């Protein structure tokens, strides 16, 4: 029997709808890679991440995760409590092969908050030596009608799990390495 590698995923989301978007991405990933990977997932809604002891637990999970998916509805800057939560786990990421995925239900690069969130999360990925994937540059119609059609590998070496995920070719969001 083939031994499957563990792939830990943490999903943080702000609204029910953005949580569904992240869940679609996660479900698609499972469908394509469950033969090779044993998935574990933790879902965290932003409002519970504002409770200090819960944020600490979720930060510990994110620090160990192979993939962190942040799903938001555009329109507002990430809350300070969520930025604080991110700062708790990013310091533990360097040297670990992992990915930070930023998805938005309605990508709109012209919106200031969306652009600011993307820039902040790209910086977090750099600081954490993580691969950064986003759907923000996709056209809204594509993002609404598909689920991870394309994930391209970054130029730096990825761990086996992240490399395999980068081969994904059919889903509901168009993610681009940034």
Protein backbone atom coordinates (compact mmCIF):
# COMPACT_ATOMS: atom_id res chain seq x y z
CA UNK A 1 0.00 0.00 0.00
CA UNK A 2 1.33 3.40 -0.98
CA UNK A 3 2.07 5.72 1.92
CA UNK A 4 0.41 9.13 1.57
CA UNK A 5 2.11 12.35 2.66
CA UNK A 6 0.29 14.60 5.13
CA UNK A 7 -0.85 17.97 3.84
CA UNK A 8 -2.12 20.39 6.48
CA UNK A 9 -4.36 23.23 5.35
CA UNK A 10 -5.62 26.20 7.35
CA UNK A 11 -8.47 28.26 5.92
CA UNK A 12 -9.33 31.69 7.34
CA UNK A 13 -12.30 33.58 5.94
CA UNK A 14 -14.37 36.65 6.65
CA UNK A 15 -17.87 35.81 5.41
CA UNK A 16 -19.93 32.72 4.75
CA UNK A 17 -19.59 33.31 1.01
CA UNK A 18 -15.80 33.68 1.08
CA UNK A 19 -15.66 30.56 3.24
CA UNK A 20 -17.56 28.69 0.53
CA UNK A 21 -15.09 29.92 -2.08
CA UNK A 22 -12.19 28.63 0.02
CA UNK A 23 -14.01 25.35 0.63
CA UNK A 24 -14.43 24.89 -3.15
CA UNK A 25 -10.71 25.36 -3.63
CA UNK A 26 -9.96 22.90 -0.82
CA UNK A 27 -12.49 20.36 -2.14
CA UNK A 28 -10.98 20.56 -5.61
CA UNK A 29 -7.51 20.02 -4.17
CA UNK A 30 -8.72 16.92 -2.30
CA UNK A 31 -10.37 15.51 -5.42
CA UNK A 32 -7.19 15.85 -7.42
CA UNK A 33 -4.62 14.78 -4.86
CA UNK A 34 -6.24 12.50 -2.28
CA UNK A 35 -4.45 9.46 -3.72
CA UNK A 36 -1.10 11.00 -2.80
CA UNK A 37 -1.89 13.10 0.26
CA UNK A 38 -3.73 12.70 3.52
CA UNK A 39 -5.44 16.06 4.10
CA UNK A 40 -6.14 17.76 7.37
CA UNK A 41 -7.98 21.07 7.42
CA UNK A 42 -8.92 23.69 9.97
CA UNK A 43 -11.47 26.40 9.17
CA UNK A 44 -11.32 29.70 11.08
CA UNK A 45 -13.79 32.54 10.66
CA UNK A 46 -12.26 35.99 11.18
CA UNK A 47 -14.62 36.88 14.02
CA UNK A 48 -13.39 33.91 16.11
CA UNK A 49 -9.78 34.80 15.35
CA UNK A 50 -10.40 38.03 17.29
CA UNK A 51 -10.62 36.00 20.53
CA UNK A 52 -7.03 35.87 21.87
CA UNK A 53 -6.82 32.25 23.07
CA UNK A 54 -8.48 31.00 19.86
CA UNK A 55 -6.20 33.17 17.73
CA UNK A 56 -3.19 31.62 19.52
CA UNK A 57 -4.40 28.09 18.77
CA UNK A 58 -5.15 28.95 15.14
CA UNK A 59 -1.73 30.64 14.79
CA UNK A 60 -0.03 27.47 16.03
CA UNK A 61 -1.92 25.47 13.39
CA UNK A 62 -1.05 27.99 10.66
CA UNK A 63 2.63 27.89 11.66
CA UNK A 64 2.64 24.14 10.93
CA UNK A 65 0.41 24.26 7.85
CA UNK A 66 1.60 23.41 4.35
CA UNK A 67 -1.02 25.73 2.88
CA UNK A 68 -2.87 28.71 4.31
CA UNK A 69 -5.87 29.96 2.39
CA UNK A 70 -7.11 33.45 3.24
CA UNK A 71 -10.50 34.10 1.68
CA UNK A 72 -12.05 37.55 1.81
CA UNK A 73 -14.76 39.60 0.24
CA UNK A 74 -13.24 42.71 -1.28
CA UNK A 75 -14.20 46.07 0.09
CA UNK A 76 -12.38 46.32 3.38
CA UNK A 77 -8.82 46.21 4.62
CA UNK A 78 -7.92 43.13 6.65
CA UNK A 79 -8.90 43.84 10.26
CA UNK A 80 -6.08 44.60 12.70
CA UNK A 81 -6.91 41.45 14.70
CA UNK A 82 -6.40 39.32 11.59
CA UNK A 83 -3.12 41.07 10.82
CA UNK A 84 -2.06 40.38 14.42
CA UNK A 85 -2.97 36.71 13.94
CA UNK A 86 -0.94 36.57 10.72
CA UNK A 87 2.06 38.16 12.43
CA UNK A 88 1.93 35.42 15.11
CA UNK A 89 2.43 32.59 12.63
CA UNK A 90 4.55 34.14 9.88
CA UNK A 91 7.67 34.23 12.07
CA UNK A 92 7.60 30.41 12.18
CA UNK A 93 7.34 29.89 8.41
CA UNK A 94 10.88 30.53 7.08
CA UNK A 95 12.61 27.27 6.19
CA UNK A 96 9.31 25.39 5.75
CA UNK A 97 7.89 24.61 2.33
CA UNK A 98 4.44 26.17 2.32
CA UNK A 99 2.06 28.34 0.37
CA UNK A 100 -0.11 31.33 1.17
CA UNK A 101 -3.20 31.53 -1.02
CA UNK A 102 -5.24 34.74 -1.18
CA UNK A 103 -8.67 34.37 -2.75
CA UNK A 104 -11.41 36.91 -3.08
CA UNK A 105 -14.96 36.19 -4.14
CA UNK A 106 -15.08 39.10 -6.55
CA UNK A 107 -11.57 40.02 -7.64
CA UNK A 108 -11.40 43.73 -8.34
CA UNK A 109 -7.84 45.02 -8.56
CA UNK A 110 -9.08 48.57 -8.88
CA UNK A 111 -10.38 48.53 -5.31
CA UNK A 112 -7.93 50.05 -2.89
CA UNK A 113 -8.58 47.61 -0.04
CA UNK A 114 -8.10 44.55 -2.28
CA UNK A 115 -4.83 45.90 -3.62
CA UNK A 116 -3.65 46.79 -0.10
CA UNK A 117 -4.56 43.30 1.17
CA UNK A 118 -2.75 41.66 -1.72
CA UNK A 119 0.39 43.78 -1.17
CA UNK A 120 0.36 43.03 2.56
CA UNK A 121 -0.06 39.28 2.01
CA UNK A 122 2.62 39.21 -0.68
CA UNK A 123 4.96 40.81 1.87
CA UNK A 124 3.92 38.21 4.45
CA UNK A 125 4.71 35.43 1.98
CA UNK A 126 8.14 36.93 1.30
CA UNK A 127 8.88 37.26 5.00
CA UNK A 128 7.72 33.70 5.60
CA UNK A 129 9.57 32.34 2.54
CA UNK A 130 6.24 31.04 1.25
CA UNK A 131 4.90 30.64 -2.26
CA UNK A 132 2.21 33.30 -2.79
CA UNK A 133 -0.78 32.49 -4.97
CA UNK A 134 -3.68 34.81 -5.68
CA UNK A 135 -6.73 35.12 -7.88
CA UNK A 136 -6.80 38.91 -7.66
CA UNK A 137 -5.62 39.45 -11.22
CA UNK A 138 -8.23 37.12 -12.69
CA UNK A 139 -11.27 38.56 -14.43
CA UNK A 140 -14.35 38.54 -12.16
CA UNK A 141 -16.35 36.29 -14.51
CA UNK A 142 -13.56 33.69 -14.51
CA UNK A 143 -13.31 33.73 -10.73
CA UNK A 144 -17.06 33.33 -10.31
CA UNK A 145 -17.48 30.50 -12.82
CA UNK A 146 -14.38 28.35 -12.24
CA UNK A 147 -12.41 27.01 -9.28
CA UNK A 148 -8.54 26.75 -9.43
CA UNK A 149 -7.94 26.36 -13.12
CA UNK A 150 -4.29 27.10 -12.88
CA UNK A 151 -1.65 27.09 -10.23
CA UNK A 152 1.83 27.76 -11.53
CA UNK A 153 4.91 26.80 -9.52
CA UNK A 154 7.15 29.54 -8.22
CA UNK A 155 10.79 29.77 -9.24
CA UNK A 156 12.08 28.63 -5.86
CA UNK A 157 12.09 24.95 -4.96
CA UNK A 158 8.87 23.72 -3.42
CA UNK A 159 8.32 20.74 -1.21
CA UNK A 160 6.78 17.63 -2.79
CA UNK A 161 3.26 18.55 -1.67
CA UNK A 162 3.44 22.10 -3.00
CA UNK A 163 4.99 20.89 -6.27
CA UNK A 164 2.15 18.45 -6.76
CA UNK A 165 -0.43 21.12 -6.00
CA UNK A 166 1.16 23.36 -8.60
CA UNK A 167 0.28 20.76 -11.25
CA UNK A 168 -3.45 21.29 -10.65
CA UNK A 169 -5.06 22.19 -13.96
CA UNK A 170 -8.83 22.22 -13.52
CA UNK A 171 -10.83 24.02 -10.81
CA UNK A 172 -12.78 27.17 -9.82
CA UNK A 173 -10.35 30.05 -9.31
CA UNK A 174 -7.45 31.14 -11.44
CA UNK A 175 -4.50 31.47 -9.10
CA UNK A 176 -1.25 33.08 -10.13
CA UNK A 177 2.10 32.95 -8.41
CA UNK A 178 3.13 36.47 -7.55
